[in-house]
Amino acid sequence: MFKPKSIRSSNPQFASDLYSWMRLKCFKNSHVEHQFWFSLSVLVAILYGIQSIHFALTHPEIIQDDARQHIFWIRRFIDPELFPQDLIADYFQSVAPWGYQTLYWLLAKMGIDPIFAGKIIPAFLGVLTTIYGFKLSLKILPLPINGLITTLLLNQVLWMEDDLISATPRAFIYPFFIAFLYYLFERRLFAVLLIIILQGLFYPQFVLIYLCLLTIRWVDKASDKFCRKTLLLGTLVAGLILIHYRLTSNEFGPIITVAEAKLLPTFNLIEREWGRNLFFPDNPFIYWLLSPRSGILFLGVLPPLALTGVALPFLLRRKQQFPLSYQVSEHLIILRQILLVSVGLFYLSHLFLFQLHLPNRYIYHSVRVTLVLASGVTLTLLLDQQYRIWTQKIQSGMSRRQWIKFALIFSLGLILIILPFFPPMATSQRLYRIGKAPEVYQFLLTQPKDTLVATLSEEADYLPTFAQRSTLASLEYSQPYHQGYYNPLYQKTIDLIQAQYSTNWQTIQQFIQNYGVDFWLLDRPAFELDYIQDQKLIRDVDQESTVQTQLQQGQIPVLSQAIEACSALQTEQHILLSASCLEKIAENSP
């Protein structure tokens, strides 16, 4: 029988020297090695940041999905005359945390446009998160190579999703949370309290995670003076922050109840399509496990290597096989504590549904960080083991089959590390959106600043950002959690749909006068049946069948008859009608 020949190293000592050198460089915690791997970690974050900025600036009408909600109104800090008496702008300004507002206010006073600022802030947050991530990982396994592996995974996790890149309040969770854990391990009381304050100023709901972590650590170490102090003072600080947040967030209250939410189309399946804010799918498996708002297992997009953390408990039980596990510190227990706290708050949020916002928010961010920290340790242990195994094989001689196996394993690891850097992989889940009506934006920019546009077009989602003018209704801005905001917006949407497809000019006239509409933006196929089927805003308020029935019966909307007479602007895809012109036609109509 044929047996592959062994291919011995021409210099067996070379393999031994290589292993010793790699052990020295990768698994020795000296100052030189520390600085080398730390610099590489920061370089990874800088490269991701540069890639992000370059992509975000490639198109003049590009914006991150959630940034459309949370940043457009900040231009009020540059020009207070923008968005006067605008329900949408007033609402999103009211729910913006004070620290978030203050940061953008300072940048605006420096002459930096908020939309541009939102494209560069993630790069700075990425570097800051990486710095703290490197330091934190060394508290768990004090080896610089662990710091590089952990921060490499951390950057892949951060930049492959739309949280950090949004530059919205939730983008600040990661640097603050990781800094909080680091200072907790450092036993620096003032720094811990400062991070709690900062977190409360940027994303108050996450302060509950901090408070519960301090509590569970005090339970584990009741005799620890530092734990008692951090719990006592942390509770005081967190309590003041949460009370202030609760008292100042009622301008558009009350918060919607579960019974009320179940009646709204946007929270449910509509015509077999998901509502804009789907929370109650018919399938309980989806509801409890996979839903991005209510499910416990929804963690977004994760690179494959970030999932290796689930194997860490099994590796730690085999210390002879993974000798580096002896160096894992007692701080590793924080991962279990984070999981317990996250799961507890997840179910508490379900118990007090919508009062603590969305249940998945207490799982998504904290568990992603936990997985990264666990995976960093796991991969470091595996790397050390594989170095020893393959060095011995190379030294003793390997067959061609073994060389092929080595090459395949090495190549697979390299692919899993490099692939998330490629733009199609790195940017696909960042949810960048591109406005498709630049001519409309430019025209509206020349109109008075109190201009109000009525439209069912998806361009309503972009008008406040790129045209800097108010829109009456929009799917993107339809956040239903505060009744004082959503109820009037819902009514405006219904009135707009009824007016646009009305066969009575008096309905058009009354609508324009009631809401003070200046322009009416139409998609060119706005009066076709196929358009109604694809129109998400109409479906989200459950008006699709009503409008379809009307058109199928041959009832012609009067608005379609005024296109030539009242067009202020026509493009290949859109028609902008003058509301004053429509009023004149209505006055002369029977």
Foldseek 3Di string as FASTA:
>chain_A
DDDFDFFADPDLVVLVVVLVVCCCLFVDQDPVSLVVLLVVLLVLLLLLLVVQLVVQPPDPFKAFQCLLQQQLLLCCLQPVLFQPPFLSSVQNVLLFFQLLSVVSSVCVVVVHRRRSCLSNVLSVLLSLLLNLQLLLLCLFFVTSNLSNQLSLQVSLLLLLAAQLSNSALSVNCRSLVSQLLNVVSVLDQVSNLVSLLVNLRRPLLCLLLVLLLLVVVCVVVVPDPSSVVNNVVSCVSSVVSVVVSVVSNDPLADFDDPVRLVPALQCEQFPNHHHLNHQDYPDVCCNDDPPLFQHQPHQDDGQPLLQLLVCLVVVLVCCVLQVSSVSGDPSLCSLVSLVVSLVVQLVVCVVVPLVSHTSNVSRHPSNSSSSSSSSSVSVVSVVSNVSVVVSVCNSVTRGPVVVVVVVVVVVVVVCSSCVSSDCCSSPVNNRMDGQDCLVVLVVLLPDDSAAEEEELDQCQSRCSRRNSHHYLEHSSSQDRGRCSSNVVNLVLLVLSVCQQQDLALVSLLVNCVVVVHFKYKYWPCRLPLVCLVVRSSCSNRPCSVVSNVCVVVVRGRVVVVCQVVAFPDDDPTMTMGGSVSSNVVNVVDD
